[in-house]
């Protein structure tokens, strides 16, 4: 399967404003590119990349006075297979976890394990450990939160989403990640592209998506609390402890998002893009 994807994102600024962007695909998907992946700008501004401690590609640049638009358009080859389902994947005892995995049991900016620990154990303490426990958490979060773009708030944490019962995909992911960590299941937050491939078209503008990985039986597996079903065509951009580590753009000064267009479409046999 070939997927054409990319974006046009514009920012307005009254003065030069430094920015860090995580708008490249994750290096783990680089070998799947069938066309070049480049971030371009409508202004002549220097840009350079580095790789952060979570393995994400970060781009540094400065928005000039008057603003700029960042764009990308590229094609990725994908297996066309849905997320893996391995019901017998076991939970790894904490004492046996690799050192570099322990980080994903700890609380973080948007995932307050201290505030949700008792709730998690009351809700899931009697569920079988491993895959079944993660799936129980996913089903709970899926049913607990009402999705709506108008519920988005950049400061909303897992605790807030649990209390308010409303949110967007990042809130579903934050709450599920937090509940998993409370149950001693390592979990990390992921962001990337997810088009309406293999499902009926979804109304509303295309956006980037958030999901999460859990560490079971020595491997990472993908779960999605918003959709609660295996999906086709995920293209990872960044992953980390929570949205702090995976922010698509971070500006160091006053700047305003003025345009946000994302596309993710399967290329059909006739060579045309179709989907969302």
C-alpha atoms as a PDB file:
ATOM      1  CA  UNK A   1       0.000   0.000   0.000  1.00  0.00           C
ATOM      2  CA  UNK A   2       1.178   3.519  -0.863  1.00  0.00           C
ATOM      3  CA  UNK A   3       0.065   6.471   1.252  1.00  0.00           C
ATOM      4  CA  UNK A   4       0.515  10.083   0.205  1.00  0.00           C
ATOM      5  CA  UNK A   5       0.704  12.385   3.179  1.00  0.00           C
ATOM      6  CA  UNK A   6       1.894  15.785   4.327  1.00  0.00           C
ATOM      7  CA  UNK A   7       0.747  19.186   5.530  1.00  0.00           C
ATOM      8  CA  UNK A   8       0.662  22.951   5.111  1.00  0.00           C
ATOM      9  CA  UNK A   9       0.990  24.763   8.447  1.00  0.00           C
ATOM     10  CA  UNK A  10       1.267  28.545   8.749  1.00  0.00           C
ATOM     11  CA  UNK A  11       2.321  30.776  11.622  1.00  0.00           C
ATOM     12  CA  UNK A  12       1.982  34.526  12.061  1.00  0.00           C
ATOM     13  CA  UNK A  13       4.593  36.426  14.070  1.00  0.00           C
ATOM     14  CA  UNK A  14       5.402  40.105  14.539  1.00  0.00           C
ATOM     15  CA  UNK A  15       9.080  39.517  15.210  1.00  0.00           C
ATOM     16  CA  UNK A  16      11.629  36.732  14.657  1.00  0.00           C
ATOM     17  CA  UNK A  17      10.604  33.779  16.857  1.00  0.00           C
ATOM     18  CA  UNK A  18      12.645  30.582  17.335  1.00  0.00           C
ATOM     19  CA  UNK A  19      10.792  27.318  16.791  1.00  0.00           C
ATOM     20  CA  UNK A  20      11.396  23.599  17.240  1.00  0.00           C
ATOM     21  CA  UNK A  21       9.246  21.316  15.083  1.00  0.00           C
ATOM     22  CA  UNK A  22       8.662  17.556  15.105  1.00  0.00           C
ATOM     23  CA  UNK A  23       7.083  17.436  11.664  1.00  0.00           C
ATOM     24  CA  UNK A  24       9.256  14.723  10.117  1.00  0.00           C
ATOM     25  CA  UNK A  25       8.336  11.070  10.091  1.00  0.00           C
ATOM     26  CA  UNK A  26      10.099   8.934  12.687  1.00  0.00           C
ATOM     27  CA  UNK A  27      13.419   7.408  11.573  1.00  0.00           C
ATOM     28  CA  UNK A  28      11.892   3.939  11.981  1.00  0.00           C
ATOM     29  CA  UNK A  29       9.726   4.710   8.917  1.00  0.00           C
ATOM     30  CA  UNK A  30      12.416   6.363   6.797  1.00  0.00           C
ATOM     31  CA  UNK A  31      13.155   3.205   4.839  1.00  0.00           C
ATOM     32  CA  UNK A  32       9.487   3.109   3.774  1.00  0.00           C
ATOM     33  CA  UNK A  33       9.700   6.413   1.909  1.00  0.00           C
ATOM     34  CA  UNK A  34       9.177   6.115  -1.843  1.00  0.00           C
ATOM     35  CA  UNK A  35       9.599   9.846  -2.489  1.00  0.00           C
ATOM     36  CA  UNK A  36      11.898  12.328  -0.724  1.00  0.00           C
ATOM     37  CA  UNK A  37      10.722  13.722   2.608  1.00  0.00           C
ATOM     38  CA  UNK A  38      11.563  17.402   2.928  1.00  0.00           C
ATOM     39  CA  UNK A  39      10.167  20.206   5.053  1.00  0.00           C
ATOM     40  CA  UNK A  40       9.905  23.300   2.876  1.00  0.00           C
ATOM     41  CA  UNK A  41       9.106  26.904   3.730  1.00  0.00           C
ATOM     42  CA  UNK A  42       7.644  29.782   1.776  1.00  0.00           C
ATOM     43  CA  UNK A  43      10.440  31.964   3.204  1.00  0.00           C
ATOM     44  CA  UNK A  44      14.177  31.518   2.889  1.00  0.00           C
ATOM     45  CA  UNK A  45      14.985  30.497   6.471  1.00  0.00           C
ATOM     46  CA  UNK A  46      17.782  28.211   7.687  1.00  0.00           C
ATOM     47  CA  UNK A  47      16.619  24.864   9.080  1.00  0.00           C
ATOM     48  CA  UNK A  48      18.559  22.002  10.562  1.00  0.00           C
ATOM     49  CA  UNK A  49      17.671  18.684  12.175  1.00  0.00           C
ATOM     50  CA  UNK A  50      18.848  16.798  15.210  1.00  0.00           C
ATOM     51  CA  UNK A  51      17.673  13.591  16.891  1.00  0.00           C
ATOM     52  CA  UNK A  52      16.444  13.886  20.477  1.00  0.00           C
ATOM     53  CA  UNK A  53      16.830  11.407  23.340  1.00  0.00           C
ATOM     54  CA  UNK A  54      13.661   9.540  22.304  1.00  0.00           C
ATOM     55  CA  UNK A  55      14.868   9.044  18.733  1.00  0.00           C
ATOM     56  CA  UNK A  56      12.614  11.708  17.196  1.00  0.00           C
ATOM     57  CA  UNK A  57      13.743  14.038  14.407  1.00  0.00           C
ATOM     58  CA  UNK A  58      13.535  17.684  15.539  1.00  0.00           C
ATOM     59  CA  UNK A  59      13.859  20.649  13.187  1.00  0.00           C
ATOM     60  CA  UNK A  60      15.114  24.024  14.408  1.00  0.00           C
ATOM     61  CA  UNK A  61      14.322  27.276  12.632  1.00  0.00           C
ATOM     62  CA  UNK A  62      13.269  30.860  13.295  1.00  0.00           C
ATOM     63  CA  UNK A  63       9.917  32.223  12.144  1.00  0.00           C
ATOM     64  CA  UNK A  64      10.665  35.590  10.496  1.00  0.00           C
ATOM     65  CA  UNK A  65       8.662  38.729  11.212  1.00  0.00           C
ATOM     66  CA  UNK A  66       5.486  38.395   9.179  1.00  0.00           C
ATOM     67  CA  UNK A  67       5.300  34.620   9.619  1.00  0.00           C
ATOM     68  CA  UNK A  68       5.866  31.607   7.387  1.00  0.00           C
ATOM     69  CA  UNK A  69       4.303  28.405   6.074  1.00  0.00           C
ATOM     70  CA  UNK A  70       5.871  24.963   6.503  1.00  0.00           C
ATOM     71  CA  UNK A  71       4.917  22.246   4.035  1.00  0.00           C
ATOM     72  CA  UNK A  72       5.651  18.640   3.178  1.00  0.00           C
ATOM     73  CA  UNK A  73       4.261  16.166   0.666  1.00  0.00           C
ATOM     74  CA  UNK A  74       5.613  12.644   0.319  1.00  0.00           C
ATOM     75  CA  UNK A  75       4.681   9.003  -0.234  1.00  0.00           C
ATOM     76  CA  UNK A  76       5.212   6.152   2.224  1.00  0.00           C
ATOM     77  CA  UNK A  77       4.941   2.443   1.533  1.00  0.00           C
ATOM     78  CA  UNK A  78       2.935   0.631   4.211  1.00  0.00           C
ATOM     79  CA  UNK A  79       2.217  -3.040   4.817  1.00  0.00           C
ATOM     80  CA  UNK A  80      -1.524  -2.422   4.704  1.00  0.00           C
ATOM     81  CA  UNK A  81      -1.887  -4.628   7.770  1.00  0.00           C
ATOM     82  CA  UNK A  82      -3.836  -3.535  10.844  1.00  0.00           C
ATOM     83  CA  UNK A  83      -2.224  -3.075  14.267  1.00  0.00           C
ATOM     84  CA  UNK A  84      -1.025  -6.379  15.696  1.00  0.00           C
ATOM     85  CA  UNK A  85      -3.290  -8.195  18.144  1.00  0.00           C
ATOM     86  CA  UNK A  86      -1.501 -10.662  20.452  1.00  0.00           C
ATOM     87  CA  UNK A  87      -3.934 -11.622  23.236  1.00  0.00           C
ATOM     88  CA  UNK A  88      -1.422 -13.844  25.032  1.00  0.00           C
ATOM     89  CA  UNK A  89       1.293 -11.144  25.288  1.00  0.00           C
ATOM     90  CA  UNK A  90       2.309 -11.251  28.971  1.00  0.00           C
ATOM     91  CA  UNK A  91       2.942  -8.424  31.388  1.00  0.00           C
ATOM     92  CA  UNK A  92       6.614  -8.189  32.356  1.00  0.00           C
ATOM     93  CA  UNK A  93       7.238  -7.992  36.133  1.00  0.00           C
ATOM     94  CA  UNK A  94       8.764  -4.651  37.106  1.00  0.00           C
ATOM     95  CA  UNK A  95      11.861  -6.340  38.514  1.00  0.00           C
ATOM     96  CA  UNK A  96      12.539  -7.866  35.072  1.00  0.00           C
ATOM     97  CA  UNK A  97      12.033  -4.737  32.957  1.00  0.00           C
ATOM     98  CA  UNK A  98      15.082  -3.404  31.058  1.00  0.00           C
ATOM     99  CA  UNK A  99      16.541  -0.250  32.575  1.00  0.00           C
ATOM    100  CA  UNK A 100      15.595   1.935  29.615  1.00  0.00           C
ATOM    101  CA  UNK A 101      11.941   0.862  29.862  1.00  0.00           C
ATOM    102  CA  UNK A 102      11.455   1.931  33.483  1.00  0.00           C
ATOM    103  CA  UNK A 103      11.089   5.568  32.398  1.00  0.00           C
ATOM    104  CA  UNK A 104       7.738   4.669  30.870  1.00  0.00           C
ATOM    105  CA  UNK A 105       6.330   3.643  34.237  1.00  0.00           C
ATOM    106  CA  UNK A 106       6.887   7.074  35.756  1.00  0.00           C
ATOM    107  CA  UNK A 107       4.549  10.027  35.974  1.00  0.00           C
ATOM    108  CA  UNK A 108       5.114  12.888  33.530  1.00  0.00           C
ATOM    109  CA  UNK A 109       3.767  16.345  32.710  1.00  0.00           C
ATOM    110  CA  UNK A 110       0.411  15.172  31.317  1.00  0.00           C
ATOM    111  CA  UNK A 111       0.274  11.726  32.950  1.00  0.00           C
ATOM    112  CA  UNK A 112      -0.203  12.085  36.716  1.00  0.00           C
ATOM    113  CA  UNK A 113       0.218   8.534  37.969  1.00  0.00           C
ATOM    114  CA  UNK A 114       0.091   9.732  41.579  1.00  0.00           C
ATOM    115  CA  UNK A 115      -3.424  11.150  41.158  1.00  0.00           C
ATOM    116  CA  UNK A 116      -4.825   8.147  39.290  1.00  0.00           C
ATOM    117  CA  UNK A 117      -3.089   5.204  40.973  1.00  0.00           C
ATOM    118  CA  UNK A 118      -5.887   4.316  43.392  1.00  0.00           C
ATOM    119  CA  UNK A 119      -8.482   4.710  40.661  1.00  0.00           C
ATOM    120  CA  UNK A 120      -6.538   2.428  38.341  1.00  0.00           C
ATOM    121  CA  UNK A 121      -6.164  -0.333  40.912  1.00  0.00           C
ATOM    122  CA  UNK A 122      -9.832  -0.106  41.868  1.00  0.00           C
ATOM    123  CA  UNK A 123     -10.873  -0.366  38.228  1.00  0.00           C
ATOM    124  CA  UNK A 124      -8.372  -2.893  36.882  1.00  0.00           C
ATOM    125  CA  UNK A 125      -6.832  -4.669  39.857  1.00  0.00           C
ATOM    126  CA  UNK A 126      -8.916  -7.785  39.212  1.00  0.00           C
ATOM    127  CA  UNK A 127      -8.322  -7.965  35.458  1.00  0.00           C
ATOM    128  CA  UNK A 128      -5.838 -10.532  34.109  1.00  0.00           C
ATOM    129  CA  UNK A 129      -2.377  -8.988  33.722  1.00  0.00           C
ATOM    130  CA  UNK A 130      -0.972  -8.473  30.255  1.00  0.00           C
ATOM    131  CA  UNK A 131      -2.892  -7.878  27.049  1.00  0.00           C
ATOM    132  CA  UNK A 132      -6.311  -8.323  28.651  1.00  0.00           C
ATOM    133  CA  UNK A 133      -5.556  -5.639  31.238  1.00  0.00           C
ATOM    134  CA  UNK A 134      -4.419  -3.158  28.592  1.00  0.00           C
ATOM    135  CA  UNK A 135      -7.508  -3.881  26.514  1.00  0.00           C
ATOM    136  CA  UNK A 136      -9.703  -3.323  29.570  1.00  0.00           C
ATOM    137  CA  UNK A 137      -8.045   0.063  30.065  1.00  0.00           C
ATOM    138  CA  UNK A 138      -8.533   0.955  26.392  1.00  0.00           C
ATOM    139  CA  UNK A 139     -12.208   0.018  26.513  1.00  0.00           C
ATOM    140  CA  UNK A 140     -12.721   2.028  29.689  1.00  0.00           C
ATOM    141  CA  UNK A 141     -11.074   5.164  28.282  1.00  0.00           C
ATOM    142  CA  UNK A 142     -12.885   4.762  24.959  1.00  0.00           C
ATOM    143  CA  UNK A 143     -16.229   4.743  26.749  1.00  0.00           C
ATOM    144  CA  UNK A 144     -15.325   7.301  29.416  1.00  0.00           C
ATOM    145  CA  UNK A 145     -14.292  10.239  27.177  1.00  0.00           C
ATOM    146  CA  UNK A 146     -16.521  12.018  24.684  1.00  0.00           C
ATOM    147  CA  UNK A 147     -14.539  13.017  21.602  1.00  0.00           C
ATOM    148  CA  UNK A 148     -14.821  16.534  20.184  1.00  0.00           C
ATOM    149  CA  UNK A 149     -12.350  19.010  18.689  1.00  0.00           C
ATOM    150  CA  UNK A 150     -14.034  21.767  20.703  1.00  0.00           C
ATOM    151  CA  UNK A 151     -12.914  19.946  23.859  1.00  0.00           C
ATOM    152  CA  UNK A 152      -9.219  20.472  23.052  1.00  0.00           C
ATOM    153  CA  UNK A 153      -7.079  22.357  25.552  1.00  0.00           C
ATOM    154  CA  UNK A 154      -3.292  22.435  25.535  1.00  0.00           C
ATOM    155  CA  UNK A 155      -3.061  22.304  29.325  1.00  0.00           C
ATOM    156  CA  UNK A 156      -5.434  19.343  29.774  1.00  0.00           C
ATOM    157  CA  UNK A 157      -3.853  16.414  31.617  1.00  0.00           C
ATOM    158  CA  UNK A 158      -4.914  12.798  32.078  1.00  0.00           C
ATOM    159  CA  UNK A 159      -6.467  13.728  35.428  1.00  0.00           C
ATOM    160  CA  UNK A 160      -8.413  16.561  33.776  1.00  0.00           C
ATOM    161  CA  UNK A 161      -9.655  14.252  31.010  1.00  0.00           C
ATOM    162  CA  UNK A 162     -10.726  11.671  33.586  1.00  0.00           C
ATOM    163  CA  UNK A 163     -12.666  14.283  35.542  1.00  0.00           C
ATOM    164  CA  UNK A 164     -14.178  16.165  32.585  1.00  0.00           C
ATOM    165  CA  UNK A 165     -14.929  13.071  30.454  1.00  0.00           C
ATOM    166  CA  UNK A 166     -14.294  15.064  27.271  1.00  0.00           C
ATOM    167  CA  UNK A 167     -11.311  15.483  25.010  1.00  0.00           C
ATOM    168  CA  UNK A 168      -9.473  14.841  21.760  1.00  0.00           C
ATOM    169  CA  UNK A 169      -7.217  11.959  20.730  1.00  0.00           C
ATOM    170  CA  UNK A 170      -4.290  13.175  22.846  1.00  0.00           C
ATOM    171  CA  UNK A 171      -6.510  13.095  25.939  1.00  0.00           C
ATOM    172  CA  UNK A 172      -7.587   9.528  25.210  1.00  0.00           C
ATOM    173  CA  UNK A 173      -3.914   8.577  24.847  1.00  0.00           C
ATOM    174  CA  UNK A 174      -2.788  10.440  27.980  1.00  0.00           C
ATOM    175  CA  UNK A 175      -5.432   8.831  30.176  1.00  0.00           C
ATOM    176  CA  UNK A 176      -4.772   5.330  28.822  1.00  0.00           C
ATOM    177  CA  UNK A 177      -1.005   5.767  29.186  1.00  0.00           C
ATOM    178  CA  UNK A 178      -1.426   6.937  32.778  1.00  0.00           C
ATOM    179  CA  UNK A 179      -3.711   4.075  33.772  1.00  0.00           C
ATOM    180  CA  UNK A 180      -1.314   1.552  32.204  1.00  0.00           C
ATOM    181  CA  UNK A 181       1.634   3.002  34.102  1.00  0.00           C
ATOM    182  CA  UNK A 182      -0.376   2.899  37.325  1.00  0.00           C
ATOM    183  CA  UNK A 183      -0.837  -0.840  36.706  1.00  0.00           C
ATOM    184  CA  UNK A 184       2.945  -1.283  36.188  1.00  0.00           C
ATOM    185  CA  UNK A 185       2.633  -1.597  32.401  1.00  0.00           C
ATOM    186  CA  UNK A 186       5.179   0.598  30.569  1.00  0.00           C
ATOM    187  CA  UNK A 187       3.416   2.912  28.118  1.00  0.00           C
ATOM    188  CA  UNK A 188       4.604   5.646  25.764  1.00  0.00           C
ATOM    189  CA  UNK A 189       2.732   8.352  23.870  1.00  0.00           C
ATOM    190  CA  UNK A 190       2.827   8.417  20.050  1.00  0.00           C
ATOM    191  CA  UNK A 191       1.791  10.938  17.420  1.00  0.00           C
ATOM    192  CA  UNK A 192       1.620  10.743  13.656  1.00  0.00           C
ATOM    193  CA  UNK A 193      -0.597  10.369  10.613  1.00  0.00           C
ATOM    194  CA  UNK A 194      -3.693   8.157  10.595  1.00  0.00           C
ATOM    195  CA  UNK A 195      -5.973   8.472   7.593  1.00  0.00           C
ATOM    196  CA  UNK A 196      -9.441   6.990   7.144  1.00  0.00           C
ATOM    197  CA  UNK A 197      -8.040   3.892   5.456  1.00  0.00           C
ATOM    198  CA  UNK A 198     -10.007   0.664   5.798  1.00  0.00           C
ATOM    199  CA  UNK A 199     -12.915   2.409   7.534  1.00  0.00           C
ATOM    200  CA  UNK A 200     -15.884   4.517   6.367  1.00  0.00           C
ATOM    201  CA  UNK A 201     -14.911   8.167   5.755  1.00  0.00           C
ATOM    202  CA  UNK A 202     -14.971  10.306   8.883  1.00  0.00           C
ATOM    203  CA  UNK A 203     -16.514  13.754   8.788  1.00  0.00           C
ATOM    204  CA  UNK A 204     -14.380  16.693   9.847  1.00  0.00           C
ATOM    205  CA  UNK A 205     -10.954  18.055   8.910  1.00  0.00           C
ATOM    206  CA  UNK A 206      -7.937  15.776   8.739  1.00  0.00           C
ATOM    207  CA  UNK A 207      -5.597  16.124  11.707  1.00  0.00           C
ATOM    208  CA  UNK A 208      -2.573  14.426  13.148  1.00  0.00           C
ATOM    209  CA  UNK A 209      -3.467  11.600  15.525  1.00  0.00           C
ATOM    210  CA  UNK A 210      -2.320  10.342  18.930  1.00  0.00           C
ATOM    211  CA  UNK A 211      -2.132   6.750  20.122  1.00  0.00           C
ATOM    212  CA  UNK A 212       0.128   4.828  22.494  1.00  0.00           C
ATOM    213  CA  UNK A 213       2.444   1.820  22.783  1.00  0.00           C
ATOM    214  CA  UNK A 214       2.684  -0.633  25.659  1.00  0.00           C
ATOM    215  CA  UNK A 215       5.566  -2.927  26.539  1.00  0.00           C
ATOM    216  CA  UNK A 216       4.423  -6.545  26.885  1.00  0.00           C
ATOM    217  CA  UNK A 217       6.471  -9.716  26.631  1.00  0.00           C
ATOM    218  CA  UNK A 218       9.600  -7.820  25.605  1.00  0.00           C
ATOM    219  CA  UNK A 219       7.958  -5.955  22.687  1.00  0.00           C
ATOM    220  CA  UNK A 220       6.087  -2.713  22.083  1.00  0.00           C
ATOM    221  CA  UNK A 221       2.490  -2.993  20.847  1.00  0.00           C
ATOM    222  CA  UNK A 222       0.200  -0.272  19.501  1.00  0.00           C
ATOM    223  CA  UNK A 223      -3.151   0.578  21.118  1.00  0.00           C
ATOM    224  CA  UNK A 224      -5.622   3.336  20.315  1.00  0.00           C
ATOM    225  CA  UNK A 225      -8.079   4.358  23.017  1.00  0.00           C
ATOM    226  CA  UNK A 226      -9.948   6.817  20.834  1.00  0.00           C
ATOM    227  CA  UNK A 227     -10.814   4.322  18.092  1.00  0.00           C
ATOM    228  CA  UNK A 228     -10.579   1.065  20.104  1.00  0.00           C
ATOM    229  CA  UNK A 229      -9.928  -1.040  17.038  1.00  0.00           C
ATOM    230  CA  UNK A 230      -6.869  -2.094  15.013  1.00  0.00           C
ATOM    231  CA  UNK A 231      -6.242   0.454  12.269  1.00  0.00           C
ATOM    232  CA  UNK A 232      -4.376   0.456   8.964  1.00  0.00           C
ATOM    233  CA  UNK A 233      -1.781   2.957   7.797  1.00  0.00           C
ATOM    234  CA  UNK A 234      -0.338   4.556  10.928  1.00  0.00           C
ATOM    235  CA  UNK A 235       2.731   6.641  10.108  1.00  0.00           C
ATOM    236  CA  UNK A 236       4.690   7.466  13.236  1.00  0.00           C
ATOM    237  CA  UNK A 237       6.218  10.918  13.655  1.00  0.00           C
ATOM    238  CA  UNK A 238       7.303  11.064  17.294  1.00  0.00           C
ATOM    239  CA  UNK A 239       7.015   9.224  20.595  1.00  0.00           C
ATOM    240  CA  UNK A 240       7.931   9.915  24.200  1.00  0.00           C
ATOM    241  CA  UNK A 241       6.533  10.149  27.715  1.00  0.00           C
ATOM    242  CA  UNK A 242       3.602  12.358  26.709  1.00  0.00           C
ATOM    243  CA  UNK A 243       2.718  15.318  24.479  1.00  0.00           C
ATOM    244  CA  UNK A 244       5.534  17.351  26.050  1.00  0.00           C
ATOM    245  CA  UNK A 245       8.098  15.135  24.328  1.00  0.00           C
ATOM    246  CA  UNK A 246       6.218  14.948  21.032  1.00  0.00           C
ATOM    247  CA  UNK A 247       4.864  18.466  20.467  1.00  0.00           C
ATOM    248  CA  UNK A 248       4.529  19.033  16.730  1.00  0.00           C
ATOM    249  CA  UNK A 249       5.736  22.608  17.117  1.00  0.00           C
ATOM    250  CA  UNK A 250       7.158  24.543  20.038  1.00  0.00           C
ATOM    251  CA  UNK A 251       7.623  28.310  19.679  1.00  0.00           C
ATOM    252  CA  UNK A 252       9.861  30.327  21.948  1.00  0.00           C
ATOM    253  CA  UNK A 253       7.971  33.597  21.825  1.00  0.00           C
ATOM    254  CA  UNK A 254       4.667  35.038  20.541  1.00  0.00           C
ATOM    255  CA  UNK A 255       3.406  33.333  17.379  1.00  0.00           C
ATOM    256  CA  UNK A 256      -0.062  32.374  16.178  1.00  0.00           C
ATOM    257  CA  UNK A 257      -1.146  29.312  14.213  1.00  0.00           C
ATOM    258  CA  UNK A 258      -3.001  30.712  11.186  1.00  0.00           C
ATOM    259  CA  UNK A 259      -3.381  27.670   8.919  1.00  0.00           C
ATOM    260  CA  UNK A 260      -3.422  23.930   9.553  1.00  0.00           C
ATOM    261  CA  UNK A 261      -4.037  21.489   6.696  1.00  0.00           C
ATOM    262  CA  UNK A 262      -3.066  17.805   6.868  1.00  0.00           C
ATOM    263  CA  UNK A 263      -3.593  15.112   4.241  1.00  0.00           C
ATOM    264  CA  UNK A 264      -3.237  11.334   4.423  1.00  0.00           C
ATOM    265  CA  UNK A 265      -4.585   9.368   1.458  1.00  0.00           C
ATOM    266  CA  UNK A 266      -4.138   5.891   0.077  1.00  0.00           C
ATOM    267  CA  UNK A 267      -2.919   5.925  -3.533  1.00  0.00           C
ATOM    268  CA  UNK A 268      -5.247   3.704  -5.511  1.00  0.00           C
ATOM    269  CA  UNK A 269      -4.346   1.373  -8.367  1.00  0.00           C
ATOM    270  CA  UNK A 270      -5.232   4.154 -10.793  1.00  0.00           C
ATOM    271  CA  UNK A 271      -2.625   6.358  -9.156  1.00  0.00           C
ATOM    272  CA  UNK A 272      -5.127   8.683  -7.542  1.00  0.00           C
ATOM    273  CA  UNK A 273      -5.236   9.564  -3.867  1.00  0.00           C
ATOM    274  CA  UNK A 274      -8.404   8.536  -2.111  1.00  0.00           C
ATOM    275  CA  UNK A 275      -9.402   8.631   1.518  1.00  0.00           C
ATOM    276  CA  UNK A 276      -9.080  11.442   4.037  1.00  0.00           C
END
